[in-house]
Amino acid sequence: MGTPSAAHTDLSRIRADGHAVGDAPLPGHTMIAAPLWYGSTIAGAVALLPSSPQMRRATTRARYLAAVMDTAAAMSGQLTRSGTRRAG
């Protein structure tokens, strides 16, 4: 995402896919992330950092992507239905 046009392309792809997959901050891991929605506003994200070798297996990759997206959808539904809640 070095240039504005590259960043726009990446964000467009993420919006279309509903998730992002990329390098994780931990060496040897990949990050899968999906947005949490509060109505039409992004309220955060849910992420999973599996080991990179696990992500090479198509069935494992698909299972992890589905789990992250399902979790984000469930959390987004809860946020939207009940409003934001403050911790503590």
C-alpha atoms as a PDB file:
ATOM      1  CA  MET A   1       0.000   0.000   0.000  1.00  0.00           C
ATOM      2  CA  GLY A   2       2.802   2.380  -0.854  1.00  0.00           C
ATOM      3  CA  THR A   3       0.914   4.753  -3.158  1.00  0.00           C
ATOM      4  CA  PRO A   4      -2.565   6.279  -2.871  1.00  0.00           C
ATOM      5  CA  SER A   5      -3.736   4.401  -5.972  1.00  0.00           C
ATOM      6  CA  ALA A   6      -2.376   1.106  -4.606  1.00  0.00           C
ATOM      7  CA  ALA A   7      -4.083   1.770  -1.275  1.00  0.00           C
ATOM      8  CA  HIS A   8      -7.373   2.488  -3.074  1.00  0.00           C
ATOM      9  CA  THR A   9      -7.041  -0.751  -5.061  1.00  0.00           C
ATOM     10  CA  ASP A  10      -6.310  -2.745  -1.895  1.00  0.00           C
ATOM     11  CA  LEU A  11      -9.283  -1.225  -0.034  1.00  0.00           C
ATOM     12  CA  SER A  12     -11.590  -1.838  -2.996  1.00  0.00           C
ATOM     13  CA  ARG A  13     -10.546  -5.488  -3.072  1.00  0.00           C
ATOM     14  CA  ILE A  14     -10.990  -5.828   0.695  1.00  0.00           C
ATOM     15  CA  ARG A  15     -14.484  -4.292   0.469  1.00  0.00           C
ATOM     16  CA  ALA A  16     -15.411  -6.668  -2.347  1.00  0.00           C
ATOM     17  CA  ASP A  17     -14.003  -9.746  -0.574  1.00  0.00           C
ATOM     18  CA  GLY A  18     -15.183  -8.761   2.910  1.00  0.00           C
ATOM     19  CA  HIS A  19     -11.815  -9.654   4.403  1.00  0.00           C
ATOM     20  CA  ALA A  20      -8.083  -9.093   4.097  1.00  0.00           C
ATOM     21  CA  VAL A  21      -5.266 -11.615   4.113  1.00  0.00           C
ATOM     22  CA  GLY A  22      -1.661 -10.548   4.498  1.00  0.00           C
ATOM     23  CA  ASP A  23       1.534 -10.695   6.466  1.00  0.00           C
ATOM     24  CA  ALA A  24       1.102 -10.815  10.242  1.00  0.00           C
ATOM     25  CA  PRO A  25       3.235  -8.886  12.718  1.00  0.00           C
ATOM     26  CA  LEU A  26       4.500 -12.257  14.013  1.00  0.00           C
ATOM     27  CA  PRO A  27       7.147 -13.906  11.836  1.00  0.00           C
ATOM     28  CA  GLY A  28       5.930 -17.102  10.206  1.00  0.00           C
ATOM     29  CA  HIS A  29       2.259 -16.163  10.489  1.00  0.00           C
ATOM     30  CA  THR A  30      -0.419 -14.831   8.164  1.00  0.00           C
ATOM     31  CA  MET A  31      -3.187 -12.463   9.242  1.00  0.00           C
ATOM     32  CA  ILE A  32      -6.825 -12.848   8.220  1.00  0.00           C
ATOM     33  CA  ALA A  33      -8.999  -9.882   9.209  1.00  0.00           C
ATOM     34  CA  ALA A  34     -12.623  -8.878   8.688  1.00  0.00           C
ATOM     35  CA  PRO A  35     -14.340  -5.632   9.685  1.00  0.00           C
ATOM     36  CA  LEU A  36     -16.814  -5.259  12.528  1.00  0.00           C
ATOM     37  CA  TRP A  37     -19.729  -3.047  11.522  1.00  0.00           C
ATOM     38  CA  TYR A  38     -21.898  -0.819  13.669  1.00  0.00           C
ATOM     39  CA  GLY A  39     -24.599  -0.035  11.153  1.00  0.00           C
ATOM     40  CA  SER A  40     -22.701   1.375   8.182  1.00  0.00           C
ATOM     41  CA  THR A  41     -19.641   2.403  10.228  1.00  0.00           C
ATOM     42  CA  ILE A  42     -16.594   0.236  10.790  1.00  0.00           C
ATOM     43  CA  ALA A  43     -16.297  -0.285  14.556  1.00  0.00           C
ATOM     44  CA  GLY A  44     -13.215  -2.478  14.569  1.00  0.00           C
ATOM     45  CA  ALA A  45     -11.982  -5.775  13.197  1.00  0.00           C
ATOM     46  CA  VAL A  46     -11.593  -9.388  14.131  1.00  0.00           C
ATOM     47  CA  ALA A  47      -8.355 -11.115  13.156  1.00  0.00           C
ATOM     48  CA  LEU A  48      -6.775 -14.560  13.222  1.00  0.00           C
ATOM     49  CA  LEU A  49      -3.033 -15.189  12.929  1.00  0.00           C
ATOM     50  CA  PRO A  50      -2.497 -18.807  11.844  1.00  0.00           C
ATOM     51  CA  SER A  51       0.956 -20.085  10.963  1.00  0.00           C
ATOM     52  CA  SER A  52       1.862 -19.489   7.329  1.00  0.00           C
ATOM     53  CA  PRO A  53       2.319 -23.221   6.591  1.00  0.00           C
ATOM     54  CA  GLN A  54      -1.286 -23.848   7.707  1.00  0.00           C
ATOM     55  CA  MET A  55      -2.514 -21.219   5.254  1.00  0.00           C
ATOM     56  CA  ARG A  56      -0.938 -23.072   2.330  1.00  0.00           C
ATOM     57  CA  ARG A  57      -3.546 -25.836   2.615  1.00  0.00           C
ATOM     58  CA  ALA A  58      -6.625 -24.742   0.645  1.00  0.00           C
ATOM     59  CA  THR A  59      -9.113 -26.491   2.938  1.00  0.00           C
ATOM     60  CA  THR A  60      -7.576 -24.988   6.079  1.00  0.00           C
ATOM     61  CA  ARG A  61      -7.402 -21.541   4.480  1.00  0.00           C
ATOM     62  CA  ALA A  62     -11.077 -21.715   3.479  1.00  0.00           C
ATOM     63  CA  ARG A  63     -12.093 -22.899   6.953  1.00  0.00           C
ATOM     64  CA  TYR A  64     -10.169 -20.078   8.659  1.00  0.00           C
ATOM     65  CA  LEU A  65     -11.555 -17.444   6.271  1.00  0.00           C
ATOM     66  CA  ALA A  66     -15.104 -18.665   6.907  1.00  0.00           C
ATOM     67  CA  ALA A  67     -14.553 -18.669  10.676  1.00  0.00           C
ATOM     68  CA  VAL A  68     -13.216 -15.090  10.703  1.00  0.00           C
ATOM     69  CA  MET A  69     -16.003 -13.804   8.451  1.00  0.00           C
ATOM     70  CA  ASP A  70     -18.728 -15.654  10.396  1.00  0.00           C
ATOM     71  CA  THR A  71     -17.379 -14.300  13.680  1.00  0.00           C
ATOM     72  CA  ALA A  72     -17.219 -10.744  12.317  1.00  0.00           C
ATOM     73  CA  ALA A  73     -20.780 -11.029  10.984  1.00  0.00           C
ATOM     74  CA  ALA A  74     -22.100 -12.309  14.313  1.00  0.00           C
ATOM     75  CA  MET A  75     -20.301  -9.588  16.280  1.00  0.00           C
ATOM     76  CA  SER A  76     -21.449  -6.910  13.821  1.00  0.00           C
ATOM     77  CA  GLY A  77     -25.035  -8.094  14.170  1.00  0.00           C
ATOM     78  CA  GLN A  78     -24.754  -7.898  17.939  1.00  0.00           C
ATOM     79  CA  LEU A  79     -23.251  -4.391  17.804  1.00  0.00           C
ATOM     80  CA  THR A  80     -25.931  -3.145  15.434  1.00  0.00           C
ATOM     81  CA  ARG A  81     -28.846  -4.705  17.348  1.00  0.00           C
ATOM     82  CA  SER A  82     -27.818  -3.671  20.834  1.00  0.00           C
ATOM     83  CA  GLY A  83     -25.684  -0.584  20.291  1.00  0.00           C
ATOM     84  CA  THR A  84     -22.166  -0.175  21.580  1.00  0.00           C
ATOM     85  CA  ARG A  85     -21.448  -1.134  25.147  1.00  0.00           C
ATOM     86  CA  ARG A  86     -18.763   0.258  27.368  1.00  0.00           C
ATOM     87  CA  ALA A  87     -16.455  -2.112  29.159  1.00  0.00           C
ATOM     88  CA  GLY A  88     -16.445  -2.052  32.926  1.00  0.00           C
END
